[in-house]
Amino acid sequence: MYDENLVAPMRKELTDIGFVELRTAEQVEQVLEDASGTVLVFVNSVCGCSAGCARPAVRIALERSKKPDKLVTVFAGQDAEATAKAREYFAEYPPSSPSMALLKDGEVVDMIQRHDIEGRSAEEVAARLVEAFNLHC
């Protein structure tokens, strides 16, 4: 676990652009169980590719007209139970942080994992998100 003072700005970076932070397994269940429409689940982390690419990429992508109905985030390494519960909804993918799962009516329709983020620019990752939003939202 990291000091909350360290991660607070990383949490805020997402909540400032409309993400709802889910900090307990119960909160994750309330949002994702029987969810209709589209939900983007952002698995946040303190790693460099989160700050340098993933969080900026999602901000850029959300500036476009099509976007998911709901935006939620869990924080890997901080809110362990919430993160574990969220990952159950995309269990066919190995745990990865950061990562972004786009769900439509409860089914994963796109998944961006750390290996899809590392070595790419925020603009490249944003383009991938925009493509998924245009297709599924």
C-alpha atoms as a PDB file:
ATOM      1  CA  MET A   1       0.000   0.000   0.000  1.00  0.00           C
ATOM      2  CA  TYR A   2       1.147   3.459  -0.869  1.00  0.00           C
ATOM      3  CA  ASP A   3       0.703   6.544   1.292  1.00  0.00           C
ATOM      4  CA  GLU A   4      -2.698   8.074   0.528  1.00  0.00           C
ATOM      5  CA  ASN A   5      -1.068  11.507   0.160  1.00  0.00           C
ATOM      6  CA  LEU A   6       0.962  10.095  -2.735  1.00  0.00           C
ATOM      7  CA  VAL A   7      -1.992   8.579  -4.579  1.00  0.00           C
ATOM      8  CA  ALA A   8      -4.579  11.305  -3.927  1.00  0.00           C
ATOM      9  CA  PRO A   9      -3.512  13.383  -6.967  1.00  0.00           C
ATOM     10  CA  MET A  10      -3.605  10.241  -9.136  1.00  0.00           C
ATOM     11  CA  ARG A  11      -7.144   9.509  -7.968  1.00  0.00           C
ATOM     12  CA  LYS A  12      -8.155  13.144  -8.523  1.00  0.00           C
ATOM     13  CA  GLU A  13      -6.809  13.149 -12.061  1.00  0.00           C
ATOM     14  CA  LEU A  14      -9.585  10.695 -12.980  1.00  0.00           C
ATOM     15  CA  THR A  15     -12.383  11.947 -10.735  1.00  0.00           C
ATOM     16  CA  ASP A  16     -11.850  15.460 -12.117  1.00  0.00           C
ATOM     17  CA  ILE A  17     -12.823  14.185 -15.581  1.00  0.00           C
ATOM     18  CA  GLY A  18     -15.932  12.338 -14.461  1.00  0.00           C
ATOM     19  CA  PHE A  19     -14.817   8.957 -13.132  1.00  0.00           C
ATOM     20  CA  VAL A  20     -16.536   7.572 -10.054  1.00  0.00           C
ATOM     21  CA  GLU A  21     -14.068   5.970  -7.719  1.00  0.00           C
ATOM     22  CA  LEU A  22     -15.034   2.542  -6.407  1.00  0.00           C
ATOM     23  CA  ARG A  23     -13.117   1.755  -3.237  1.00  0.00           C
ATOM     24  CA  THR A  24     -14.938  -1.347  -1.980  1.00  0.00           C
ATOM     25  CA  ALA A  25     -16.019  -4.637  -3.503  1.00  0.00           C
ATOM     26  CA  GLU A  26     -19.614  -3.727  -2.656  1.00  0.00           C
ATOM     27  CA  GLN A  27     -19.381  -0.491  -4.637  1.00  0.00           C
ATOM     28  CA  VAL A  28     -17.991  -2.415  -7.629  1.00  0.00           C
ATOM     29  CA  GLU A  29     -20.861  -4.912  -7.439  1.00  0.00           C
ATOM     30  CA  GLN A  30     -23.449  -2.134  -7.233  1.00  0.00           C
ATOM     31  CA  VAL A  31     -22.165  -0.580 -10.448  1.00  0.00           C
ATOM     32  CA  LEU A  32     -21.118  -3.591 -12.519  1.00  0.00           C
ATOM     33  CA  GLU A  33     -23.594  -6.292 -11.544  1.00  0.00           C
ATOM     34  CA  ASP A  34     -26.374  -6.265 -14.143  1.00  0.00           C
ATOM     35  CA  ALA A  35     -24.949  -3.062 -15.667  1.00  0.00           C
ATOM     36  CA  SER A  36     -26.632  -2.019 -18.880  1.00  0.00           C
ATOM     37  CA  GLY A  37     -25.102   0.278 -21.443  1.00  0.00           C
ATOM     38  CA  THR A  38     -21.400   0.948 -21.604  1.00  0.00           C
ATOM     39  CA  VAL A  39     -19.000   1.223 -18.680  1.00  0.00           C
ATOM     40  CA  LEU A  40     -15.308   2.051 -18.835  1.00  0.00           C
ATOM     41  CA  VAL A  41     -13.433   0.532 -15.896  1.00  0.00           C
ATOM     42  CA  PHE A  42     -10.022   2.147 -15.388  1.00  0.00           C
ATOM     43  CA  VAL A  43      -7.631   0.165 -13.180  1.00  0.00           C
ATOM     44  CA  ASN A  44      -5.433   2.975 -11.895  1.00  0.00           C
ATOM     45  CA  SER A  45      -1.912   2.559 -10.559  1.00  0.00           C
ATOM     46  CA  VAL A  46       1.154   4.496  -9.468  1.00  0.00           C
ATOM     47  CA  CYS A  47       3.371   3.163 -12.246  1.00  0.00           C
ATOM     48  CA  GLY A  48       4.956   5.537 -14.711  1.00  0.00           C
ATOM     49  CA  CYS A  49       2.885   4.408 -17.685  1.00  0.00           C
ATOM     50  CA  SER A  50      -0.264   5.339 -15.769  1.00  0.00           C
ATOM     51  CA  ALA A  51       0.914   8.903 -15.289  1.00  0.00           C
ATOM     52  CA  GLY A  52       2.743   9.298 -18.549  1.00  0.00           C
ATOM     53  CA  CYS A  53       0.228   7.717 -20.853  1.00  0.00           C
ATOM     54  CA  ALA A  54      -2.878   5.959 -19.512  1.00  0.00           C
ATOM     55  CA  ARG A  55      -4.509   8.747 -17.505  1.00  0.00           C
ATOM     56  CA  PRO A  56      -3.686  11.410 -20.131  1.00  0.00           C
ATOM     57  CA  ALA A  57      -4.964   9.069 -22.870  1.00  0.00           C
ATOM     58  CA  VAL A  58      -8.343   8.568 -21.257  1.00  0.00           C
ATOM     59  CA  ARG A  59      -8.671  12.329 -20.731  1.00  0.00           C
ATOM     60  CA  ILE A  60      -7.948  12.933 -24.432  1.00  0.00           C
ATOM     61  CA  ALA A  61     -10.363  10.203 -25.538  1.00  0.00           C
ATOM     62  CA  LEU A  62     -13.184  11.573 -23.405  1.00  0.00           C
ATOM     63  CA  GLU A  63     -12.943  14.938 -25.168  1.00  0.00           C
ATOM     64  CA  ARG A  64     -14.593  13.273 -28.186  1.00  0.00           C
ATOM     65  CA  SER A  65     -18.346  13.144 -28.689  1.00  0.00           C
ATOM     66  CA  LYS A  66     -18.923   9.411 -28.153  1.00  0.00           C
ATOM     67  CA  LYS A  67     -18.116   8.109 -24.708  1.00  0.00           C
ATOM     68  CA  PRO A  68     -19.247   5.400 -22.306  1.00  0.00           C
ATOM     69  CA  ASP A  69     -22.394   5.811 -20.238  1.00  0.00           C
ATOM     70  CA  LYS A  70     -20.443   5.295 -17.006  1.00  0.00           C
ATOM     71  CA  LEU A  71     -16.834   5.894 -16.016  1.00  0.00           C
ATOM     72  CA  VAL A  72     -15.520   4.058 -12.956  1.00  0.00           C
ATOM     73  CA  THR A  73     -12.093   3.489 -11.488  1.00  0.00           C
ATOM     74  CA  VAL A  74     -10.420   1.223  -8.967  1.00  0.00           C
ATOM     75  CA  PHE A  75      -6.879   1.672  -7.681  1.00  0.00           C
ATOM     76  CA  ALA A  76      -4.562  -1.331  -7.852  1.00  0.00           C
ATOM     77  CA  GLY A  77      -2.212  -1.534  -4.897  1.00  0.00           C
ATOM     78  CA  GLN A  78      -4.530   0.615  -2.803  1.00  0.00           C
ATOM     79  CA  ASP A  79      -8.076  -0.674  -2.855  1.00  0.00           C
ATOM     80  CA  ALA A  80      -7.286  -4.364  -3.130  1.00  0.00           C
ATOM     81  CA  GLU A  81     -10.799  -5.778  -2.616  1.00  0.00           C
ATOM     82  CA  ALA A  82     -12.381  -3.347  -5.080  1.00  0.00           C
ATOM     83  CA  THR A  83      -9.687  -4.064  -7.661  1.00  0.00           C
ATOM     84  CA  ALA A  84     -10.036  -7.821  -7.236  1.00  0.00           C
ATOM     85  CA  LYS A  85     -13.827  -7.584  -7.585  1.00  0.00           C
ATOM     86  CA  ALA A  86     -13.569  -5.403 -10.700  1.00  0.00           C
ATOM     87  CA  ARG A  87     -11.123  -7.837 -12.274  1.00  0.00           C
ATOM     88  CA  GLU A  88     -13.699 -10.621 -11.861  1.00  0.00           C
ATOM     89  CA  TYR A  89     -15.742  -8.873 -14.565  1.00  0.00           C
ATOM     90  CA  PHE A  90     -12.869  -9.241 -17.031  1.00  0.00           C
ATOM     91  CA  ALA A  91     -11.273 -12.386 -15.613  1.00  0.00           C
ATOM     92  CA  GLU A  92     -10.427 -13.764 -19.057  1.00  0.00           C
ATOM     93  CA  TYR A  93      -7.604 -11.189 -19.106  1.00  0.00           C
ATOM     94  CA  PRO A  94      -4.609 -11.444 -16.772  1.00  0.00           C
ATOM     95  CA  PRO A  95      -4.413  -8.785 -14.065  1.00  0.00           C
ATOM     96  CA  SER A  96      -2.790  -5.655 -15.407  1.00  0.00           C
ATOM     97  CA  SER A  97      -2.334  -2.175 -14.074  1.00  0.00           C
ATOM     98  CA  PRO A  98      -2.951   0.181 -15.507  1.00  0.00           C
ATOM     99  CA  SER A  99      -5.681  -1.215 -17.690  1.00  0.00           C
ATOM    100  CA  MET A 100      -9.000  -0.158 -19.154  1.00  0.00           C
ATOM    101  CA  ALA A 101     -11.938  -2.467 -19.757  1.00  0.00           C
ATOM    102  CA  LEU A 102     -14.882  -1.333 -21.844  1.00  0.00           C
ATOM    103  CA  LEU A 103     -17.990  -3.303 -20.947  1.00  0.00           C
ATOM    104  CA  LYS A 104     -21.260  -3.238 -22.851  1.00  0.00           C
ATOM    105  CA  ASP A 105     -24.265  -4.744 -21.120  1.00  0.00           C
ATOM    106  CA  GLY A 106     -21.883  -6.538 -18.766  1.00  0.00           C
ATOM    107  CA  GLU A 107     -19.655  -8.065 -21.457  1.00  0.00           C
ATOM    108  CA  VAL A 108     -16.082  -6.997 -22.202  1.00  0.00           C
ATOM    109  CA  VAL A 109     -16.005  -5.510 -25.693  1.00  0.00           C
ATOM    110  CA  ASP A 110     -12.487  -4.052 -25.513  1.00  0.00           C
ATOM    111  CA  MET A 111      -9.561  -4.337 -23.136  1.00  0.00           C
ATOM    112  CA  ILE A 112      -6.428  -2.236 -23.013  1.00  0.00           C
ATOM    113  CA  GLN A 113      -3.743  -3.707 -20.794  1.00  0.00           C
ATOM    114  CA  ARG A 114      -0.385  -2.462 -19.637  1.00  0.00           C
ATOM    115  CA  HIS A 115       1.386  -4.123 -22.580  1.00  0.00           C
ATOM    116  CA  ASP A 116      -0.912  -2.131 -24.904  1.00  0.00           C
ATOM    117  CA  ILE A 117       0.068   1.090 -23.126  1.00  0.00           C
ATOM    118  CA  GLU A 118       3.811   0.771 -22.501  1.00  0.00           C
ATOM    119  CA  GLY A 119       5.958   2.325 -25.208  1.00  0.00           C
ATOM    120  CA  ARG A 120       3.039   4.178 -26.784  1.00  0.00           C
ATOM    121  CA  SER A 121       2.116   7.827 -26.589  1.00  0.00           C
ATOM    122  CA  ALA A 122      -0.995   9.098 -24.848  1.00  0.00           C
ATOM    123  CA  GLU A 123      -2.333  10.057 -28.272  1.00  0.00           C
ATOM    124  CA  GLU A 124      -1.885   6.503 -29.595  1.00  0.00           C
ATOM    125  CA  VAL A 125      -3.701   4.985 -26.631  1.00  0.00           C
ATOM    126  CA  ALA A 126      -6.396   7.663 -26.870  1.00  0.00           C
ATOM    127  CA  ALA A 127      -6.914   6.786 -30.546  1.00  0.00           C
ATOM    128  CA  ARG A 128      -7.471   3.159 -29.549  1.00  0.00           C
ATOM    129  CA  LEU A 129     -10.008   4.231 -26.928  1.00  0.00           C
ATOM    130  CA  VAL A 130     -11.792   6.544 -29.364  1.00  0.00           C
ATOM    131  CA  GLU A 131     -12.051   3.676 -31.844  1.00  0.00           C
ATOM    132  CA  ALA A 132     -13.612   1.463 -29.161  1.00  0.00           C
ATOM    133  CA  PHE A 133     -15.984   4.238 -28.054  1.00  0.00           C
ATOM    134  CA  ASN A 134     -17.079   4.872 -31.660  1.00  0.00           C
ATOM    135  CA  LEU A 135     -17.726   1.174 -32.173  1.00  0.00           C
ATOM    136  CA  HIS A 136     -19.485   0.346 -28.914  1.00  0.00           C
ATOM    137  CA  CYS A 137     -20.882   3.526 -27.331  1.00  0.00           C
END
